[in-house]
C-alpha atoms as a PDB file:
ATOM      1  CA  UNK A   1      17.724 -43.672   5.551  1.00  0.00           C
ATOM      2  CA  UNK A   2      14.192 -44.980   5.033  1.00  0.00           C
ATOM      3  CA  UNK A   3      12.994 -43.296   8.268  1.00  0.00           C
ATOM      4  CA  UNK A   4      14.182 -39.863   7.100  1.00  0.00           C
ATOM      5  CA  UNK A   5      11.433 -39.526   4.485  1.00  0.00           C
ATOM      6  CA  UNK A   6       8.547 -40.433   6.834  1.00  0.00           C
ATOM      7  CA  UNK A   7       9.907 -38.017   9.480  1.00  0.00           C
ATOM      8  CA  UNK A   8      10.054 -35.263   6.895  1.00  0.00           C
ATOM      9  CA  UNK A   9       6.511 -36.009   5.736  1.00  0.00           C
ATOM     10  CA  UNK A  10       5.238 -36.075   9.326  1.00  0.00           C
ATOM     11  CA  UNK A  11       6.955 -32.750  10.081  1.00  0.00           C
ATOM     12  CA  UNK A  12       5.567 -31.210   6.915  1.00  0.00           C
ATOM     13  CA  UNK A  13       2.051 -32.478   7.665  1.00  0.00           C
ATOM     14  CA  UNK A  14       2.179 -31.036  11.205  1.00  0.00           C
ATOM     15  CA  UNK A  15       3.386 -27.716   9.794  1.00  0.00           C
ATOM     16  CA  UNK A  16       0.484 -27.581   7.320  1.00  0.00           C
ATOM     17  CA  UNK A  17      -2.046 -28.408  10.043  1.00  0.00           C
ATOM     18  CA  UNK A  18      -0.593 -25.769  12.386  1.00  0.00           C
ATOM     19  CA  UNK A  19      -0.709 -23.131   9.645  1.00  0.00           C
ATOM     20  CA  UNK A  20      -4.311 -23.943   8.804  1.00  0.00           C
ATOM     21  CA  UNK A  21      -5.366 -23.393  12.423  1.00  0.00           C
ATOM     22  CA  UNK A  22      -3.612 -20.023  12.632  1.00  0.00           C
ATOM     23  CA  UNK A  23      -5.138 -18.851   9.325  1.00  0.00           C
ATOM     24  CA  UNK A  24      -8.605 -19.945  10.395  1.00  0.00           C
ATOM     25  CA  UNK A  25      -8.314 -18.061  13.685  1.00  0.00           C
ATOM     26  CA  UNK A  26      -7.330 -14.856  11.881  1.00  0.00           C
ATOM     27  CA  UNK A  27     -10.011 -15.228   9.219  1.00  0.00           C
ATOM     28  CA  UNK A  28     -12.728 -15.089  11.879  1.00  0.00           C
ATOM     29  CA  UNK A  29     -11.633 -11.628  13.062  1.00  0.00           C
ATOM     30  CA  UNK A  30     -13.943  -8.874  11.882  1.00  0.00           C
ATOM     31  CA  UNK A  31     -12.450  -5.721  10.424  1.00  0.00           C
ATOM     32  CA  UNK A  32     -14.716  -2.743   9.851  1.00  0.00           C
ATOM     33  CA  UNK A  33     -13.942   0.221   7.643  1.00  0.00           C
ATOM     34  CA  UNK A  34     -15.632   3.597   7.443  1.00  0.00           C
ATOM     35  CA  UNK A  35     -15.138   6.122   4.641  1.00  0.00           C
ATOM     36  CA  UNK A  36     -13.324   9.319   5.610  1.00  0.00           C
ATOM     37  CA  UNK A  37     -15.197  12.346   4.269  1.00  0.00           C
ATOM     38  CA  UNK A  38     -13.086  15.029   2.566  1.00  0.00           C
ATOM     39  CA  UNK A  39      -9.999  12.847   2.500  1.00  0.00           C
ATOM     40  CA  UNK A  40      -7.684  13.557   0.819  1.00  0.00           C
ATOM     41  CA  UNK A  41      -7.970  17.317   0.425  1.00  0.00           C
ATOM     42  CA  UNK A  42      -6.875  18.139  -3.133  1.00  0.00           C
ATOM     43  CA  UNK A  43      -6.049  21.606  -4.462  1.00  0.00           C
ATOM     44  CA  UNK A  44      -8.938  23.319  -6.275  1.00  0.00           C
ATOM     45  CA  UNK A  45      -9.560  21.915  -9.734  1.00  0.00           C
ATOM     46  CA  UNK A  46      -7.542  18.730  -9.189  1.00  0.00           C
ATOM     47  CA  UNK A  47      -9.069  15.276  -9.532  1.00  0.00           C
ATOM     48  CA  UNK A  48      -7.756  11.807  -8.862  1.00  0.00           C
ATOM     49  CA  UNK A  49      -7.377   9.212 -11.558  1.00  0.00           C
ATOM     50  CA  UNK A  50      -7.391   5.478 -10.890  1.00  0.00           C
ATOM     51  CA  UNK A  51      -5.078   4.800  -7.927  1.00  0.00           C
ATOM     52  CA  UNK A  52      -2.294   2.258  -8.279  1.00  0.00           C
ATOM     53  CA  UNK A  53      -0.453   2.432  -4.958  1.00  0.00           C
ATOM     54  CA  UNK A  54      -0.495   3.976  -1.495  1.00  0.00           C
ATOM     55  CA  UNK A  55       2.358   4.173   1.019  1.00  0.00           C
ATOM     56  CA  UNK A  56       2.989   5.841   4.376  1.00  0.00           C
ATOM     57  CA  UNK A  57       6.389   6.996   5.625  1.00  0.00           C
ATOM     58  CA  UNK A  58       7.697   7.187   9.202  1.00  0.00           C
ATOM     59  CA  UNK A  59       6.277  10.730   9.571  1.00  0.00           C
ATOM     60  CA  UNK A  60       2.793   9.498   8.724  1.00  0.00           C
ATOM     61  CA  UNK A  61       2.795  11.270   5.355  1.00  0.00           C
ATOM     62  CA  UNK A  62       0.633   9.472   2.807  1.00  0.00           C
ATOM     63  CA  UNK A  63       1.940   8.981  -0.728  1.00  0.00           C
ATOM     64  CA  UNK A  64      -0.584   8.237  -3.438  1.00  0.00           C
ATOM     65  CA  UNK A  65       0.276   7.146  -6.977  1.00  0.00           C
ATOM     66  CA  UNK A  66      -2.546   7.625  -9.462  1.00  0.00           C
ATOM     67  CA  UNK A  67      -3.037   7.722 -13.232  1.00  0.00           C
ATOM     68  CA  UNK A  68      -3.600  11.390 -13.844  1.00  0.00           C
ATOM     69  CA  UNK A  69      -1.938  14.791 -13.688  1.00  0.00           C
ATOM     70  CA  UNK A  70       0.463  15.135 -10.774  1.00  0.00           C
ATOM     71  CA  UNK A  71       0.833  11.329 -10.528  1.00  0.00           C
ATOM     72  CA  UNK A  72       2.621  11.205  -7.162  1.00  0.00           C
ATOM     73  CA  UNK A  73       0.833  13.101  -4.398  1.00  0.00           C
ATOM     74  CA  UNK A  74       1.904  13.570  -0.798  1.00  0.00           C
ATOM     75  CA  UNK A  75      -0.555  14.317   2.017  1.00  0.00           C
ATOM     76  CA  UNK A  76      -0.187  15.066   5.719  1.00  0.00           C
ATOM     77  CA  UNK A  77      -1.695  12.501   8.113  1.00  0.00           C
ATOM     78  CA  UNK A  78      -4.861  14.652   8.318  1.00  0.00           C
ATOM     79  CA  UNK A  79      -5.252  14.536   4.515  1.00  0.00           C
ATOM     80  CA  UNK A  80      -3.998  18.041   3.709  1.00  0.00           C
ATOM     81  CA  UNK A  81      -2.126  18.261   0.384  1.00  0.00           C
ATOM     82  CA  UNK A  82       1.619  18.810   0.848  1.00  0.00           C
ATOM     83  CA  UNK A  83       3.330  18.341  -2.522  1.00  0.00           C
ATOM     84  CA  UNK A  84       3.362  16.407  -5.768  1.00  0.00           C
ATOM     85  CA  UNK A  85       5.775  15.394  -8.470  1.00  0.00           C
ATOM     86  CA  UNK A  86       6.072  13.172 -11.498  1.00  0.00           C
ATOM     87  CA  UNK A  87       4.647  15.388 -14.240  1.00  0.00           C
ATOM     88  CA  UNK A  88       6.391  15.292 -17.575  1.00  0.00           C
ATOM     89  CA  UNK A  89       7.145  18.976 -17.055  1.00  0.00           C
ATOM     90  CA  UNK A  90       9.023  18.113 -13.851  1.00  0.00           C
ATOM     91  CA  UNK A  91      11.038  15.453 -15.631  1.00  0.00           C
ATOM     92  CA  UNK A  92      11.912  17.842 -18.478  1.00  0.00           C
ATOM     93  CA  UNK A  93      13.072  20.521 -16.016  1.00  0.00           C
ATOM     94  CA  UNK A  94      15.227  18.071 -14.105  1.00  0.00           C
ATOM     95  CA  UNK A  95      16.869  16.674 -17.242  1.00  0.00           C
ATOM     96  CA  UNK A  96      17.391  19.753 -19.390  1.00  0.00           C
ATOM     97  CA  UNK A  97      17.301  22.895 -17.224  1.00  0.00           C
ATOM     98  CA  UNK A  98      20.353  22.391 -15.057  1.00  0.00           C
END
């Protein structure tokens, strides 16, 4: 029973060392980003508020959640506006105009 604890500690120590090497190797990789001009393309008069989340579905559509009017926006992969929802008006219509 006394050898079980040292084996566990040795296994754990090897695991930590192995993880540190893999993290170090990935941290050295350089990732470069470039801003995309005119992306996303919003309808005239619309502005974005502070963004809270971004997601992409299997079709490549981009969903953006922001703190402003039309809080959930959907864009095509090229940045063209497709649809939005989440306004209080939308919620009212769904709840009371059935």
